[in-house]
Each structure stands twice: as structure tokens, then as C-alpha cells.
Protein backbone atom coordinates (compact mmCIF):
# COMPACT_ATOMS: atom_id res chain seq x y z
CA MET A 1 -29.53 6.71 -11.41
CA ASN A 2 -26.43 8.21 -12.64
CA ALA A 3 -23.47 6.05 -13.79
CA MET A 4 -21.33 7.08 -10.84
CA MET A 5 -23.79 5.65 -8.47
CA MET A 6 -24.23 2.55 -10.46
CA GLU A 7 -20.27 2.04 -10.54
CA LYS A 8 -19.17 -0.70 -8.24
CA GLU A 9 -17.06 0.53 -5.31
CA ASN A 10 -13.56 -0.68 -5.79
CA PHE A 11 -11.19 -0.99 -2.78
CA VAL A 12 -8.03 -2.80 -1.57
CA LYS A 13 -7.18 -3.55 2.00
CA VAL A 14 -4.03 -2.21 3.26
CA VAL A 15 -2.38 -3.60 6.44
CA LEU A 16 0.32 -1.48 8.14
CA LEU A 17 2.77 -3.59 10.26
CA THR A 18 6.15 -2.48 11.70
CA PRO A 19 7.43 0.15 10.91
CA PHE A 20 4.27 1.31 9.28
CA GLU A 21 1.83 0.79 12.24
CA ARG A 22 2.58 4.42 13.46
CA PHE A 23 0.57 5.67 10.44
CA SER A 24 -2.42 3.55 11.35
CA ASP A 25 -5.39 4.75 13.44
CA LYS A 26 -4.05 4.93 16.85
CA LYS A 27 -7.30 5.58 18.57
CA ASN A 28 -8.76 2.23 17.57
CA SER A 29 -5.73 0.35 17.10
CA LYS A 30 -6.56 -0.50 13.59
CA ARG A 31 -3.70 -1.60 11.33
CA GLU A 32 -5.94 -2.15 8.42
CA ILE A 33 -7.46 0.47 6.09
CA GLU A 34 -9.57 0.32 2.91
CA ILE A 35 -8.46 2.51 0.13
CA ARG A 36 -10.83 3.19 -2.69
CA PHE A 37 -9.64 3.21 -6.21
CA LYS A 38 -10.99 3.86 -9.86
CA LYS A 39 -10.62 1.18 -12.51
CA GLY A 40 -7.25 1.32 -14.19
CA GLU A 41 -5.39 2.69 -10.99
CA THR A 42 -2.06 1.12 -10.19
CA PHE A 43 0.02 0.11 -7.27
CA GLY A 44 1.84 3.35 -7.90
CA ASP A 45 -1.40 5.16 -7.50
CA LEU A 46 -2.04 3.49 -4.19
CA VAL A 47 1.32 4.44 -2.98
CA GLU A 48 0.59 8.03 -3.91
CA LYS A 49 -2.74 7.87 -2.09
CA LEU A 50 -0.98 6.48 1.08
CA ALA A 51 1.71 9.14 0.89
CA LYS A 52 -1.03 11.87 0.49
CA LYS A 53 -2.76 10.43 3.57
CA PHE A 54 0.20 9.91 5.68
CA GLY A 55 2.68 12.47 4.62
CA ARG A 56 6.32 12.64 3.81
CA GLU A 57 7.34 10.27 6.74
CA PHE A 58 5.60 7.50 5.12
CA GLU A 59 7.46 8.00 1.88
CA GLN A 60 10.69 8.25 3.79
CA THR A 61 9.80 4.91 5.57
CA LEU A 62 8.89 3.13 2.32
CA PHE A 63 11.56 4.34 -0.18
CA ASP A 64 15.53 4.42 -0.15
CA LYS A 65 17.35 7.45 -1.44
CA THR A 66 17.13 6.25 -5.02
CA GLY A 67 13.29 6.22 -4.93
CA GLN A 68 13.05 2.34 -4.93
CA ILE A 69 11.26 0.38 -2.10
CA ASP A 70 13.84 0.23 0.69
CA ASP A 71 15.58 -3.11 1.17
CA ASP A 72 14.42 -3.22 4.75
CA VAL A 73 10.73 -2.95 3.66
CA MET A 74 8.62 -5.75 2.34
CA VAL A 75 5.31 -5.21 0.45
CA MET A 76 3.17 -8.23 0.03
CA LEU A 77 0.14 -8.81 -2.19
CA ASP A 78 -2.29 -11.47 -0.82
CA GLY A 79 0.80 -13.10 0.88
CA ARG A 80 3.29 -12.86 -2.06
CA ASN A 81 6.35 -10.63 -1.58
CA ILE A 82 6.06 -7.99 -4.57
CA SER A 83 8.93 -5.81 -3.18
CA ALA A 84 11.50 -7.33 -5.36
CA LYS A 85 9.61 -6.17 -8.51
CA LYS A 86 10.82 -2.66 -7.58
CA GLY A 87 9.77 -0.10 -10.23
CA SER A 88 7.91 -2.64 -12.58
CA GLY A 89 5.51 -3.56 -9.84
CA PHE A 90 4.31 0.06 -9.69
CA SER A 91 2.28 -0.16 -13.01
CA GLU A 92 0.47 -3.30 -11.91
CA GLU A 93 -3.25 -2.55 -11.86
CA LEU A 94 -5.13 -2.87 -8.62
CA VAL A 95 -7.67 -5.54 -8.29
CA CYS A 96 -10.75 -5.12 -5.94
CA GLY A 97 -10.64 -6.95 -2.64
CA LYS A 98 -6.92 -7.69 -2.70
CA GLU A 99 -4.60 -7.14 0.41
CA TYR A 100 -1.39 -5.15 0.52
CA VAL A 101 0.67 -5.53 3.49
CA PHE A 102 3.49 -2.96 4.33
CA CYS A 103 5.99 -4.35 6.94
CA SER A 104 9.64 -4.74 7.71
CA VAL A 105 11.89 -7.46 6.39
CA ILE A 106 12.62 -10.00 8.98
CA SER A 107 15.73 -12.13 9.08
CA GLY A 108 17.61 -14.01 11.52
CA GLY A 109 20.75 -15.98 11.81
């Protein structure tokens, strides 16, 4: 067997909630997708893969005009808000089996 076949498949689960659900599989009403990645890839690479898959509208929903994650958007990693990390979080390496949730910030008063 070649090395590529022996290498373990790495993936993360991405959950797309409001306002990102419009990028999900509308036929099956699936809000969850698995994204495969190579060892050493980062959260920034994941965002690039999602932008390539879903297009410019995805980027416009995720980022503000300065290129930072929009204040109205929350990205969670296994239930922990990582949006506040802004640019520094983009260099964090992906870990197989982790779950990233893209959603809007909910606040009330």
C-alpha cells in the first residue's frame, strides 16, 4: 500500500447555523458537513476551503470590511467561542474530529 492510502483521513465537522445555513445542503436540510484536511492545516485553511466551496457570499457573511471576523458572527470550536481570537485564531492547527460552528451572535436585553 502506498503512504497516501495508509495515512489516516483527517476531518473536522462544520455546522452552519443562521446566517450560514443558506450555504448548507438544501436538498437534505443538512447543516453539518465534514471537511477533510491534511496534517498541519489551520483554521485559516479551513476558512479558505469553505470560501472556495461556498463562494464570495460566504466570505462577506463571515468577515467585516477590515477582514476580521464580523462582530455579528460567532465561531465556536467544540462549544467554545473562538471568534474573539480574531487573527491569532487563524493559525491554530486543525484537530481531527473537532466541531466548528458558524452562527450569528445572539443577544438580548
